[in-house]
PDB file of N, CA and C in Angstrom:
ATOM      1  N   UNK A   1     -55.144  11.811   9.547  1.00  0.00           N
ATOM      2  CA  UNK A   1     -54.670  12.896   8.725  1.00  0.00           C
ATOM      3  C   UNK A   1     -54.925  14.218   9.438  1.00  0.00           C
ATOM      4  N   UNK A   2     -53.970  15.124   9.331  1.00  0.00           N
ATOM      5  CA  UNK A   2     -54.049  16.416  10.000  1.00  0.00           C
ATOM      6  C   UNK A   2     -54.437  17.512   9.012  1.00  0.00           C
ATOM      7  N   UNK A   3     -55.224  18.479   9.486  1.00  0.00           N
ATOM      8  CA  UNK A   3     -55.672  19.597   8.669  1.00  0.00           C
ATOM      9  C   UNK A   3     -55.353  20.900   9.376  1.00  0.00           C
ATOM     10  N   UNK A   4     -55.331  22.003   8.610  1.00  0.00           N
ATOM     11  CA  UNK A   4     -55.132  23.330   9.175  1.00  0.00           C
ATOM     12  C   UNK A   4     -56.116  24.295   8.530  1.00  0.00           C
ATOM     13  N   UNK A   5     -56.578  25.261   9.316  1.00  0.00           N
ATOM     14  CA  UNK A   5     -57.477  26.286   8.807  1.00  0.00           C
ATOM     15  C   UNK A   5     -57.152  27.594   9.515  1.00  0.00           C
ATOM     16  N   UNK A   6     -57.040  28.659   8.736  1.00  0.00           N
ATOM     17  CA  UNK A   6     -56.790  29.982   9.295  1.00  0.00           C
ATOM     18  C   UNK A   6     -58.059  30.806   9.170  1.00  0.00           C
ATOM     19  N   UNK A   7     -58.399  31.507  10.242  1.00  0.00           N
ATOM     20  CA  UNK A   7     -59.596  32.335  10.231  1.00  0.00           C
ATOM     21  C   UNK A   7     -59.653  33.215  11.460  1.00  0.00           C
ATOM     22  N   UNK A   8     -60.812  33.792  11.685  1.00  0.00           N
ATOM     23  CA  UNK A   8     -61.036  34.700  12.803  1.00  0.00           C
ATOM     24  C   UNK A   8     -61.801  33.980  13.908  1.00  0.00           C
ATOM     25  N   UNK A   9     -61.276  34.058  15.128  1.00  0.00           N
ATOM     26  CA  UNK A   9     -61.970  33.458  16.269  1.00  0.00           C
ATOM     27  C   UNK A   9     -63.246  34.259  16.519  1.00  0.00           C
ATOM     28  N   UNK A  10     -64.377  33.605  16.373  1.00  0.00           N
ATOM     29  CA  UNK A  10     -65.670  34.279  16.530  1.00  0.00           C
ATOM     30  C   UNK A  10     -66.223  34.123  17.942  1.00  0.00           C
ATOM     31  N   UNK A  11     -66.094  32.924  18.496  1.00  0.00           N
ATOM     32  CA  UNK A  11     -66.727  32.608  19.776  1.00  0.00           C
ATOM     33  C   UNK A  11     -65.917  31.549  20.486  1.00  0.00           C
ATOM     34  N   UNK A  12     -65.726  31.718  21.771  1.00  0.00           N
ATOM     35  CA  UNK A  12     -65.130  30.644  22.564  1.00  0.00           C
ATOM     36  C   UNK A  12     -66.035  30.376  23.757  1.00  0.00           C
ATOM     37  N   UNK A  13     -66.386  29.123  23.910  1.00  0.00           N
ATOM     38  CA  UNK A  13     -67.288  28.713  24.979  1.00  0.00           C
ATOM     39  C   UNK A  13     -66.491  28.308  26.220  1.00  0.00           C
ATOM     40  N   UNK A  14     -67.195  28.216  27.333  1.00  0.00           N
ATOM     41  CA  UNK A  14     -66.577  27.751  28.570  1.00  0.00           C
ATOM     42  C   UNK A  14     -66.304  26.255  28.484  1.00  0.00           C
ATOM     43  N   UNK A  15     -65.370  25.814  29.289  1.00  0.00           N
ATOM     44  CA  UNK A  15     -65.041  24.388  29.366  1.00  0.00           C
ATOM     45  C   UNK A  15     -66.239  23.621  29.925  1.00  0.00           C
ATOM     46  N   UNK A  16     -66.507  22.453  29.340  1.00  0.00           N
ATOM     47  CA  UNK A  16     -67.614  21.603  29.802  1.00  0.00           C
ATOM     48  C   UNK A  16     -67.038  20.317  30.376  1.00  0.00           C
ATOM     49  N   UNK A  17     -67.483  19.949  31.559  1.00  0.00           N
ATOM     50  CA  UNK A  17     -67.096  18.672  32.141  1.00  0.00           C
ATOM     51  C   UNK A  17     -68.175  17.663  31.758  1.00  0.00           C
ATOM     52  N   UNK A  18     -67.856  16.813  30.793  1.00  0.00           N
ATOM     53  CA  UNK A  18     -68.823  15.848  30.274  1.00  0.00           C
ATOM     54  C   UNK A  18     -68.975  14.681  31.237  1.00  0.00           C
ATOM     55  N   UNK A  19     -67.871  14.229  31.822  1.00  0.00           N
ATOM     56  CA  UNK A  19     -67.886  13.161  32.827  1.00  0.00           C
ATOM     57  C   UNK A  19     -66.719  13.396  33.780  1.00  0.00           C
ATOM     58  N   UNK A  20     -66.537  12.487  34.730  1.00  0.00           N
ATOM     59  CA  UNK A  20     -65.429  12.629  35.671  1.00  0.00           C
ATOM     60  C   UNK A  20     -64.071  12.556  34.981  1.00  0.00           C
ATOM     61  N   UNK A  21     -64.025  11.922  33.834  1.00  0.00           N
ATOM     62  CA  UNK A  21     -62.743  11.724  33.154  1.00  0.00           C
ATOM     63  C   UNK A  21     -62.632  12.442  31.809  1.00  0.00           C
ATOM     64  N   UNK A  22     -63.661  13.205  31.423  1.00  0.00           N
ATOM     65  CA  UNK A  22     -63.630  13.838  30.109  1.00  0.00           C
ATOM     66  C   UNK A  22     -64.144  15.267  30.169  1.00  0.00           C
ATOM     67  N   UNK A  23     -63.372  16.188  29.588  1.00  0.00           N
ATOM     68  CA  UNK A  23     -63.805  17.580  29.469  1.00  0.00           C
ATOM     69  C   UNK A  23     -63.492  18.069  28.061  1.00  0.00           C
ATOM     70  N   UNK A  24     -64.278  19.070  27.624  1.00  0.00           N
ATOM     71  CA  UNK A  24     -64.082  19.636  26.293  1.00  0.00           C
ATOM     72  C   UNK A  24     -64.406  21.115  26.323  1.00  0.00           C
ATOM     73  N   UNK A  25     -63.927  21.813  25.291  1.00  0.00           N
ATOM     74  CA  UNK A  25     -64.217  23.235  25.138  1.00  0.00           C
ATOM     75  C   UNK A  25     -64.420  23.506  23.652  1.00  0.00           C
ATOM     76  N   UNK A  26     -65.521  24.145  23.323  1.00  0.00           N
ATOM     77  CA  UNK A  26     -65.838  24.416  21.926  1.00  0.00           C
ATOM     78  C   UNK A  26     -65.542  25.873  21.581  1.00  0.00           C
ATOM     79  N   UNK A  27     -65.235  26.084  20.308  1.00  0.00           N
ATOM     80  CA  UNK A  27     -65.040  27.440  19.802  1.00  0.00           C
ATOM     81  C   UNK A  27     -65.423  27.472  18.329  1.00  0.00           C
ATOM     82  N   UNK A  28     -65.713  28.683  17.843  1.00  0.00           N
ATOM     83  CA  UNK A  28     -66.133  28.868  16.452  1.00  0.00           C
ATOM     84  C   UNK A  28     -65.099  29.733  15.745  1.00  0.00           C
ATOM     85  N   UNK A  29     -64.689  29.258  14.582  1.00  0.00           N
ATOM     86  CA  UNK A  29     -63.747  29.978  13.733  1.00  0.00           C
ATOM     87  C   UNK A  29     -64.487  30.406  12.470  1.00  0.00           C
ATOM     88  N   UNK A  30     -64.323  31.666  12.067  1.00  0.00           N
ATOM     89  CA  UNK A  30     -64.934  32.150  10.837  1.00  0.00           C
ATOM     90  C   UNK A  30     -63.894  32.115   9.724  1.00  0.00           C
ATOM     91  N   UNK A  31     -64.226  31.399   8.667  1.00  0.00           N
ATOM     92  CA  UNK A  31     -63.372  31.301   7.480  1.00  0.00           C
ATOM     93  C   UNK A  31     -63.930  32.248   6.428  1.00  0.00           C
ATOM     94  N   UNK A  32     -63.177  33.291   6.100  1.00  0.00           N
ATOM     95  CA  UNK A  32     -63.610  34.289   5.124  1.00  0.00           C
ATOM     96  C   UNK A  32     -62.929  34.121   3.775  1.00  0.00           C
ATOM     97  N   UNK A  33     -62.458  32.923   3.466  1.00  0.00           N
ATOM     98  CA  UNK A  33     -61.700  32.719   2.232  1.00  0.00           C
ATOM     99  C   UNK A  33     -62.584  32.619   0.983  1.00  0.00           C
ATOM    100  N   UNK A  34     -63.894  32.578   1.151  1.00  0.00           N
ATOM    101  CA  UNK A  34     -64.792  32.529  -0.011  1.00  0.00           C
ATOM    102  C   UNK A  34     -65.785  33.695   0.070  1.00  0.00           C
ATOM    103  N   UNK A  35     -66.692  33.755  -0.885  1.00  0.00           N
ATOM    104  CA  UNK A  35     -67.691  34.827  -0.894  1.00  0.00           C
ATOM    105  C   UNK A  35     -68.653  34.748   0.287  1.00  0.00           C
ATOM    106  N   UNK A  36     -68.818  33.551   0.825  1.00  0.00           N
ATOM    107  CA  UNK A  36     -69.752  33.346   1.926  1.00  0.00           C
ATOM    108  C   UNK A  36     -68.980  32.875   3.152  1.00  0.00           C
ATOM    109  N   UNK A  37     -68.926  33.694   4.218  1.00  0.00           N
ATOM    110  CA  UNK A  37     -68.195  33.287   5.420  1.00  0.00           C
ATOM    111  C   UNK A  37     -68.748  31.985   5.988  1.00  0.00           C
ATOM    112  N   UNK A  38     -67.845  31.128   6.431  1.00  0.00           N
ATOM    113  CA  UNK A  38     -68.216  29.854   7.044  1.00  0.00           C
ATOM    114  C   UNK A  38     -67.877  29.921   8.524  1.00  0.00           C
ATOM    115  N   UNK A  39     -68.826  29.595   9.377  1.00  0.00           N
ATOM    116  CA  UNK A  39     -68.630  29.594  10.824  1.00  0.00           C
ATOM    117  C   UNK A  39     -68.519  28.131  11.242  1.00  0.00           C
ATOM    118  N   UNK A  40     -67.317  27.741  11.647  1.00  0.00           N
ATOM    119  CA  UNK A  40     -67.002  26.326  11.846  1.00  0.00           C
ATOM    120  C   UNK A  40     -66.749  26.049  13.324  1.00  0.00           C
ATOM    121  N   UNK A  41     -67.443  25.036  13.850  1.00  0.00           N
ATOM    122  CA  UNK A  41     -67.325  24.647  15.245  1.00  0.00           C
ATOM    123  C   UNK A  41     -66.200  23.633  15.424  1.00  0.00           C
ATOM    124  N   UNK A  42     -65.276  23.931  16.339  1.00  0.00           N
ATOM    125  CA  UNK A  42     -64.192  23.029  16.717  1.00  0.00           C
ATOM    126  C   UNK A  42     -64.336  22.686  18.182  1.00  0.00           C
ATOM    127  N   UNK A  43     -63.632  21.637  18.595  1.00  0.00           N
ATOM    128  CA  UNK A  43     -63.577  21.323  20.015  1.00  0.00           C
ATOM    129  C   UNK A  43     -62.151  21.000  20.423  1.00  0.00           C
ATOM    130  N   UNK A  44     -61.848  21.347  21.669  1.00  0.00           N
ATOM    131  CA  UNK A  44     -60.589  20.980  22.307  1.00  0.00           C
ATOM    132  C   UNK A  44     -60.935  19.980  23.394  1.00  0.00           C
ATOM    133  N   UNK A  45     -60.053  19.004  23.615  1.00  0.00           N
ATOM    134  CA  UNK A  45     -60.321  17.973  24.622  1.00  0.00           C
ATOM    135  C   UNK A  45     -59.242  17.958  25.697  1.00  0.00           C
ATOM    136  N   UNK A  46     -59.677  17.582  26.889  1.00  0.00           N
ATOM    137  CA  UNK A  46     -58.801  17.336  28.029  1.00  0.00           C
ATOM    138  C   UNK A  46     -57.860  18.509  28.290  1.00  0.00           C
ATOM    139  N   UNK A  47     -56.543  18.254  28.338  1.00  0.00           N
ATOM    140  CA  UNK A  47     -55.580  19.299  28.691  1.00  0.00           C
ATOM    141  C   UNK A  47     -55.422  20.345  27.593  1.00  0.00           C
ATOM    142  N   UNK A  48     -55.942  20.110  26.406  1.00  0.00           N
ATOM    143  CA  UNK A  48     -55.869  21.081  25.311  1.00  0.00           C
ATOM    144  C   UNK A  48     -56.871  22.221  25.495  1.00  0.00           C
ATOM    145  N   UNK A  49     -57.833  22.071  26.396  1.00  0.00           N
ATOM    146  CA  UNK A  49     -58.863  23.097  26.603  1.00  0.00           C
ATOM    147  C   UNK A  49     -58.253  24.455  26.944  1.00  0.00           C
ATOM    148  N   UNK A  50     -57.163  24.453  27.656  1.00  0.00           N
ATOM    149  CA  UNK A  50     -56.591  25.716  28.136  1.00  0.00           C
ATOM    150  C   UNK A  50     -55.852  26.507  27.057  1.00  0.00           C
ATOM    151  N   UNK A  51     -55.522  25.910  25.909  1.00  0.00           N
ATOM    152  CA  UNK A  51     -54.791  26.674  24.898  1.00  0.00           C
ATOM    153  C   UNK A  51     -55.631  27.792  24.295  1.00  0.00           C
ATOM    154  N   UNK A  52     -56.921  27.727  24.448  1.00  0.00           N
ATOM    155  CA  UNK A  52     -57.805  28.778  23.937  1.00  0.00           C
ATOM    156  C   UNK A  52     -57.773  30.023  24.826  1.00  0.00           C
ATOM    157  N   UNK A  53     -57.278  29.893  26.052  1.00  0.00           N
ATOM    158  CA  UNK A  53     -57.228  31.027  26.977  1.00  0.00           C
ATOM    159  C   UNK A  53     -56.386  32.179  26.441  1.00  0.00           C
ATOM    160  N   UNK A  54     -55.433  31.900  25.584  1.00  0.00           N
ATOM    161  CA  UNK A  54     -54.518  32.922  25.069  1.00  0.00           C
ATOM    162  C   UNK A  54     -55.114  33.761  23.950  1.00  0.00           C
ATOM    163  N   UNK A  55     -56.333  33.461  23.519  1.00  0.00           N
ATOM    164  CA  UNK A  55     -56.921  34.142  22.367  1.00  0.00           C
ATOM    165  C   UNK A  55     -58.295  34.708  22.702  1.00  0.00           C
ATOM    166  N   UNK A  56     -58.663  35.753  21.968  1.00  0.00           N
ATOM    167  CA  UNK A  56     -59.947  36.425  22.176  1.00  0.00           C
ATOM    168  C   UNK A  56     -60.707  36.513  20.859  1.00  0.00           C
ATOM    169  N   UNK A  57     -62.037  36.625  20.929  1.00  0.00           N
ATOM    170  CA  UNK A  57     -62.802  36.809  19.696  1.00  0.00           C
ATOM    171  C   UNK A  57     -62.251  37.994  18.900  1.00  0.00           C
ATOM    172  N   UNK A  58     -62.138  37.790  17.592  1.00  0.00           N
ATOM    173  CA  UNK A  58     -61.567  38.802  16.717  1.00  0.00           C
ATOM    174  C   UNK A  58     -60.124  38.516  16.334  1.00  0.00           C
ATOM    175  N   UNK A  59     -59.450  37.645  17.093  1.00  0.00           N
ATOM    176  CA  UNK A  59     -58.064  37.293  16.787  1.00  0.00           C
ATOM    177  C   UNK A  59     -57.993  36.396  15.562  1.00  0.00           C
ATOM    178  N   UNK A  60     -56.989  36.621  14.734  1.00  0.00           N
ATOM    179  CA  UNK A  60     -56.712  35.743  13.601  1.00  0.00           C
ATOM    180  C   UNK A  60     -55.864  34.583  14.111  1.00  0.00           C
ATOM    181  N   UNK A  61     -56.304  33.357  13.853  1.00  0.00           N
ATOM    182  CA  UNK A  61     -55.592  32.180  14.341  1.00  0.00           C
ATOM    183  C   UNK A  61     -55.522  31.102  13.266  1.00  0.00           C
ATOM    184  N   UNK A  62     -54.544  30.238  13.426  1.00  0.00           N
ATOM    185  CA  UNK A  62     -54.436  29.050  12.581  1.00  0.00           C
ATOM    186  C   UNK A  62     -54.674  27.851  13.490  1.00  0.00           C
ATOM    187  N   UNK A  63     -55.662  27.035  13.132  1.00  0.00           N
ATOM    188  CA  UNK A  63     -56.047  25.880  13.935  1.00  0.00           C
ATOM    189  C   UNK A  63     -55.572  24.606  13.234  1.00  0.00           C
ATOM    190  N   UNK A  64     -54.847  23.771  13.972  1.00  0.00           N
ATOM    191  CA  UNK A  64     -54.467  22.443  13.491  1.00  0.00           C
ATOM    192  C   UNK A  64     -55.451  21.460  14.116  1.00  0.00           C
ATOM    193  N   UNK A  65     -56.010  20.550  13.296  1.00  0.00           N
ATOM    194  CA  UNK A  65     -57.075  19.685  13.817  1.00  0.00           C
ATOM    195  C   UNK A  65     -57.119  18.358  13.073  1.00  0.00           C
ATOM    196  N   UNK A  66     -57.835  17.432  13.690  1.00  0.00           N
ATOM    197  CA  UNK A  66     -58.147  16.132  13.103  1.00  0.00           C
ATOM    198  C   UNK A  66     -59.651  16.049  12.935  1.00  0.00           C
ATOM    199  N   UNK A  67     -60.097  15.265  11.976  1.00  0.00           N
ATOM    200  CA  UNK A  67     -61.523  14.984  11.816  1.00  0.00           C
ATOM    201  C   UNK A  67     -61.788  13.622  12.430  1.00  0.00           C
ATOM    202  N   UNK A  68     -62.760  13.564  13.329  1.00  0.00           N
ATOM    203  CA  UNK A  68     -63.124  12.275  13.921  1.00  0.00           C
ATOM    204  C   UNK A  68     -64.614  12.043  13.711  1.00  0.00           C
ATOM    205  N   UNK A  69     -64.970  10.794  13.527  1.00  0.00           N
ATOM    206  CA  UNK A  69     -66.367  10.433  13.318  1.00  0.00           C
ATOM    207  C   UNK A  69     -66.750   9.267  14.214  1.00  0.00           C
ATOM    208  N   UNK A  70     -68.007   9.199  14.539  1.00  0.00           N
ATOM    209  CA  UNK A  70     -68.463   8.090  15.383  1.00  0.00           C
ATOM    210  C   UNK A  70     -69.905   7.730  15.044  1.00  0.00           C
ATOM    211  N   UNK A  71     -70.234   6.511  15.376  1.00  0.00           N
ATOM    212  CA  UNK A  71     -71.574   5.986  15.146  1.00  0.00           C
ATOM    213  C   UNK A  71     -72.280   5.902  16.487  1.00  0.00           C
ATOM    214  N   UNK A  72     -73.547   6.260  16.503  1.00  0.00           N
ATOM    215  CA  UNK A  72     -74.351   6.193  17.720  1.00  0.00           C
ATOM    216  C   UNK A  72     -75.631   5.458  17.387  1.00  0.00           C
ATOM    217  N   UNK A  73     -75.923   4.423  18.158  1.00  0.00           N
ATOM    218  CA  UNK A  73     -77.088   3.585  17.919  1.00  0.00           C
ATOM    219  C   UNK A  73     -77.976   3.640  19.154  1.00  0.00           C
ATOM    220  N   UNK A  74     -79.185   4.149  18.978  1.00  0.00           N
ATOM    221  CA  UNK A  74     -80.134   4.205  20.087  1.00  0.00           C
ATOM    222  C   UNK A  74     -81.488   3.742  19.594  1.00  0.00           C
ATOM    223  N   UNK A  75     -82.004   2.718  20.236  1.00  0.00           N
ATOM    224  CA  UNK A  75     -83.315   2.159  19.905  1.00  0.00           C
ATOM    225  C   UNK A  75     -83.400   1.760  18.428  1.00  0.00           C
ATOM    226  N   UNK A  76     -82.311   1.240  17.902  1.00  0.00           N
ATOM    227  CA  UNK A  76     -82.286   0.770  16.527  1.00  0.00           C
ATOM    228  C   UNK A  76     -82.091   1.856  15.476  1.00  0.00           C
ATOM    229  N   UNK A  77     -81.977   3.086  15.941  1.00  0.00           N
ATOM    230  CA  UNK A  77     -81.748   4.205  15.022  1.00  0.00           C
ATOM    231  C   UNK A  77     -80.260   4.553  15.074  1.00  0.00           C
ATOM    232  N   UNK A  78     -79.625   4.479  13.911  1.00  0.00           N
ATOM    233  CA  UNK A  78     -78.194   4.759  13.838  1.00  0.00           C
ATOM    234  C   UNK A  78     -77.981   6.181  13.337  1.00  0.00           C
ATOM    235  N   UNK A  79     -77.158   6.923  14.074  1.00  0.00           N
ATOM    236  CA  UNK A  79     -76.791   8.279  13.666  1.00  0.00           C
ATOM    237  C   UNK A  79     -75.274   8.367  13.627  1.00  0.00           C
ATOM    238  N   UNK A  80     -74.782   9.272  12.790  1.00  0.00           N
ATOM    239  CA  UNK A  80     -73.344   9.482  12.657  1.00  0.00           C
ATOM    240  C   UNK A  80     -73.022  10.927  13.001  1.00  0.00           C
ATOM    241  N   UNK A  81     -71.918  11.105  13.725  1.00  0.00           N
ATOM    242  CA  UNK A  81     -71.479  12.428  14.149  1.00  0.00           C
ATOM    243  C   UNK A  81     -70.035  12.650  13.708  1.00  0.00           C
ATOM    244  N   UNK A  82     -69.744  13.875  13.349  1.00  0.00           N
ATOM    245  CA  UNK A  82     -68.392  14.268  12.957  1.00  0.00           C
ATOM    246  C   UNK A  82     -67.939  15.399  13.863  1.00  0.00           C
ATOM    247  N   UNK A  83     -66.684  15.330  14.326  1.00  0.00           N
ATOM    248  CA  UNK A  83     -66.106  16.371  15.167  1.00  0.00           C
ATOM    249  C   UNK A  83     -64.799  16.851  14.557  1.00  0.00           C
ATOM    250  N   UNK A  84     -64.531  18.130  14.724  1.00  0.00           N
ATOM    251  CA  UNK A  84     -63.255  18.705  14.345  1.00  0.00           C
ATOM    252  C   UNK A  84     -62.482  18.922  15.645  1.00  0.00           C
ATOM    253  N   UNK A  85     -61.513  18.049  15.899  1.00  0.00           N
ATOM    254  CA  UNK A  85     -60.771  18.047  17.156  1.00  0.00           C
ATOM    255  C   UNK A  85     -59.479  18.839  17.010  1.00  0.00           C
ATOM    256  N   UNK A  86     -59.492  20.061  17.534  1.00  0.00           N
ATOM    257  CA  UNK A  86     -58.312  20.914  17.476  1.00  0.00           C
ATOM    258  C   UNK A  86     -57.280  20.425  18.484  1.00  0.00           C
ATOM    259  N   UNK A  87     -56.026  20.503  18.109  1.00  0.00           N
ATOM    260  CA  UNK A  87     -54.955  20.117  19.032  1.00  0.00           C
ATOM    261  C   UNK A  87     -53.891  21.201  19.143  1.00  0.00           C
ATOM    262  N   UNK A  88     -53.987  22.224  18.266  1.00  0.00           N
ATOM    263  CA  UNK A  88     -53.025  23.321  18.326  1.00  0.00           C
ATOM    264  C   UNK A  88     -53.669  24.579  17.749  1.00  0.00           C
ATOM    265  N   UNK A  89     -53.372  25.726  18.379  1.00  0.00           N
ATOM    266  CA  UNK A  89     -53.833  27.020  17.883  1.00  0.00           C
ATOM    267  C   UNK A  89     -52.642  27.968  17.902  1.00  0.00           C
ATOM    268  N   UNK A  90     -52.406  28.611  16.766  1.00  0.00           N
ATOM    269  CA  UNK A  90     -51.318  29.584  16.655  1.00  0.00           C
ATOM    270  C   UNK A  90     -51.898  30.925  16.238  1.00  0.00           C
ATOM    271  N   UNK A  91     -51.383  31.997  16.820  1.00  0.00           N
ATOM    272  CA  UNK A  91     -51.789  33.334  16.413  1.00  0.00           C
ATOM    273  C   UNK A  91     -51.205  33.663  15.051  1.00  0.00           C
ATOM    274  N   UNK A  92     -51.931  34.460  14.292  1.00  0.00           N
ATOM    275  CA  UNK A  92     -51.480  34.896  12.976  1.00  0.00           C
ATOM    276  C   UNK A  92     -51.285  36.396  13.045  1.00  0.00           C
ATOM    277  N   UNK A  93     -50.114  36.865  12.626  1.00  0.00           N
ATOM    278  CA  UNK A  93     -49.852  38.301  12.639  1.00  0.00           C
ATOM    279  C   UNK A  93     -50.679  38.980  11.568  1.00  0.00           C
ATOM    280  N   UNK A  94     -51.361  40.040  11.973  1.00  0.00           N
ATOM    281  CA  UNK A  94     -52.117  40.822  11.001  1.00  0.00           C
ATOM    282  C   UNK A  94     -51.174  41.810  10.342  1.00  0.00           C
ATOM    283  N   UNK A  95     -51.353  42.005   9.038  1.00  0.00           N
ATOM    284  CA  UNK A  95     -50.577  43.013   8.325  1.00  0.00           C
ATOM    285  C   UNK A  95     -49.092  42.744   8.293  1.00  0.00           C
ATOM    286  N   UNK A  96     -48.709  41.490   8.088  1.00  0.00           N
ATOM    287  CA  UNK A  96     -47.282  41.185   8.064  1.00  0.00           C
ATOM    288  C   UNK A  96     -46.592  41.932   6.929  1.00  0.00           C
ATOM    289  N   UNK A  97     -47.305  42.254   5.856  1.00  0.00           N
ATOM    290  CA  UNK A  97     -46.695  43.028   4.777  1.00  0.00           C
ATOM    291  C   UNK A  97     -46.460  44.468   5.217  1.00  0.00           C
ATOM    292  N   UNK A  98     -47.325  45.014   6.081  1.00  0.00           N
ATOM    293  CA  UNK A  98     -47.107  46.378   6.558  1.00  0.00           C
ATOM    294  C   UNK A  98     -45.901  46.430   7.481  1.00  0.00           C
ATOM    295  N   UNK A  99     -45.629  45.335   8.195  1.00  0.00           N
ATOM    296  CA  UNK A  99     -44.432  45.303   9.038  1.00  0.00           C
ATOM    297  C   UNK A  99     -43.181  45.455   8.194  1.00  0.00           C
ATOM    298  N   UNK A 100     -43.147  44.804   7.040  1.00  0.00           N
ATOM    299  CA  UNK A 100     -41.972  44.917   6.195  1.00  0.00           C
ATOM    300  C   UNK A 100     -41.878  46.329   5.626  1.00  0.00           C
ATOM    301  N   UNK A 101     -43.022  46.967   5.350  1.00  0.00           N
ATOM    302  CA  UNK A 101     -42.986  48.334   4.874  1.00  0.00           C
ATOM    303  C   UNK A 101     -42.498  49.268   5.966  1.00  0.00           C
ATOM    304  N   UNK A 102     -42.936  49.041   7.208  1.00  0.00           N
ATOM    305  CA  UNK A 102     -42.482  49.874   8.310  1.00  0.00           C
ATOM    306  C   UNK A 102     -40.983  49.748   8.503  1.00  0.00           C
ATOM    307  N   UNK A 103     -40.466  48.525   8.442  1.00  0.00           N
ATOM    308  CA  UNK A 103     -39.045  48.349   8.661  1.00  0.00           C
ATOM    309  C   UNK A 103     -38.241  48.945   7.513  1.00  0.00           C
ATOM    310  N   UNK A 104     -38.765  48.888   6.280  1.00  0.00           N
ATOM    311  CA  UNK A 104     -38.026  49.481   5.176  1.00  0.00           C
ATOM    312  C   UNK A 104     -38.073  51.004   5.259  1.00  0.00           C
ATOM    313  N   UNK A 105     -39.196  51.599   5.703  1.00  0.00           N
ATOM    314  CA  UNK A 105     -39.235  53.045   5.843  1.00  0.00           C
ATOM    315  C   UNK A 105     -38.349  53.486   6.997  1.00  0.00           C
ATOM    316  N   UNK A 106     -38.255  52.676   8.034  1.00  0.00           N
ATOM    317  CA  UNK A 106     -37.357  52.981   9.143  1.00  0.00           C
ATOM    318  C   UNK A 106     -35.920  52.968   8.658  1.00  0.00           C
ATOM    319  N   UNK A 107     -35.555  52.014   7.829  1.00  0.00           N
ATOM    320  CA  UNK A 107     -34.192  51.949   7.306  1.00  0.00           C
ATOM    321  C   UNK A 107     -33.889  53.177   6.462  1.00  0.00           C
ATOM    322  N   UNK A 108     -34.881  53.662   5.699  1.00  0.00           N
ATOM    323  CA  UNK A 108     -34.690  54.854   4.881  1.00  0.00           C
ATOM    324  C   UNK A 108     -34.470  56.070   5.762  1.00  0.00           C
ATOM    325  N   UNK A 109     -35.280  56.211   6.821  1.00  0.00           N
ATOM    326  CA  UNK A 109     -35.118  57.337   7.727  1.00  0.00           C
ATOM    327  C   UNK A 109     -33.772  57.293   8.433  1.00  0.00           C
ATOM    328  N   UNK A 110     -33.320  56.116   8.782  1.00  0.00           N
ATOM    329  CA  UNK A 110     -32.055  55.983   9.481  1.00  0.00           C
ATOM    330  C   UNK A 110     -30.891  56.379   8.581  1.00  0.00           C
ATOM    331  N   UNK A 111     -31.060  56.231   7.270  1.00  0.00           N
ATOM    332  CA  UNK A 111     -29.988  56.568   6.337  1.00  0.00           C
ATOM    333  C   UNK A 111     -29.924  58.070   6.058  1.00  0.00           C
ATOM    334  N   UNK A 112     -30.953  58.842   6.412  1.00  0.00           N
ATOM    335  CA  UNK A 112     -30.948  60.276   6.174  1.00  0.00           C
ATOM    336  C   UNK A 112     -29.980  60.957   7.129  1.00  0.00           C
ATOM    337  N   UNK A 113     -29.375  62.069   6.708  1.00  0.00           N
ATOM    338  CA  UNK A 113     -28.472  62.785   7.611  1.00  0.00           C
ATOM    339  C   UNK A 113     -29.250  63.369   8.782  1.00  0.00           C
ATOM    340  N   UNK A 114     -28.590  63.474   9.919  1.00  0.00           N
ATOM    341  CA  UNK A 114     -29.214  63.986  11.143  1.00  0.00           C
ATOM    342  C   UNK A 114     -29.521  65.466  10.988  1.00  0.00           C
ATOM    343  N   UNK A 115     -30.675  65.876  11.512  1.00  0.00           N
ATOM    344  CA  UNK A 115     -31.041  67.289  11.531  1.00  0.00           C
ATOM    345  C   UNK A 115     -31.245  67.689  12.974  1.00  0.00           C
ATOM    346  N   UNK A 116     -31.450  68.976  13.189  1.00  0.00           N
ATOM    347  CA  UNK A 116     -31.639  69.467  14.556  1.00  0.00           C
ATOM    348  C   UNK A 116     -32.911  68.909  15.173  1.00  0.00           C
ATOM    349  N   UNK A 117     -33.920  68.606  14.347  1.00  0.00           N
ATOM    350  CA  UNK A 117     -35.185  68.121  14.868  1.00  0.00           C
ATOM    351  C   UNK A 117     -35.113  66.673  15.305  1.00  0.00           C
ATOM    352  N   UNK A 118     -34.142  65.912  14.783  1.00  0.00           N
ATOM    353  CA  UNK A 118     -34.044  64.497  15.142  1.00  0.00           C
ATOM    354  C   UNK A 118     -33.469  64.372  16.553  1.00  0.00           C
ATOM    355  N   UNK A 119     -33.975  63.445  17.268  1.00  0.00           N
ATOM    356  CA  UNK A 119     -33.513  63.190  18.623  1.00  0.00           C
ATOM    357  C   UNK A 119     -32.222  62.374  18.539  1.00  0.00           C
ATOM    358  N   UNK A 120     -31.219  62.698  19.326  1.00  0.00           N
ATOM    359  CA  UNK A 120     -29.964  61.985  19.252  1.00  0.00           C
ATOM    360  C   UNK A 120     -29.828  60.933  20.349  1.00  0.00           C
ATOM    361  N   UNK A 121     -30.954  60.485  20.913  1.00  0.00           N
ATOM    362  CA  UNK A 121     -30.910  59.439  21.924  1.00  0.00           C
ATOM    363  C   UNK A 121     -30.452  58.119  21.298  1.00  0.00           C
ATOM    364  N   UNK A 122     -29.666  57.336  22.019  1.00  0.00           N
ATOM    365  CA  UNK A 122     -29.130  56.100  21.440  1.00  0.00           C
ATOM    366  C   UNK A 122     -30.130  54.943  21.361  1.00  0.00           C
ATOM    367  N   UNK A 123     -31.361  55.138  21.796  1.00  0.00           N
ATOM    368  CA  UNK A 123     -32.323  54.039  21.726  1.00  0.00           C
ATOM    369  C   UNK A 123     -33.606  54.450  21.091  1.00  0.00           C
TER     370      UNK A 123
END
């Protein structure tokens, strides 16, 4: 099952080479949708590690991810681990409602008659 979460990129770590055939990159997303911000650790694997290069801390992003779990048994002690495996990151436009206001105010200005102060350049 696939999940999505939108939040603010808080931290992105360097790529880690775990073995000759496996690499990962972790990052933290802050979810501010409740009264208490949640700082959630995700990981990217293999060729997906590079998709984080396009984003910086403070950017609003939407992360698509899977939840994976595994069992680890050492010396008769069983532990369980859960990972949030991101496979896609999309940027989220900030203030998309202000963009619509800007375009509507631009349309209003364009409808006004030309005055001497307005520039008559075609672009």
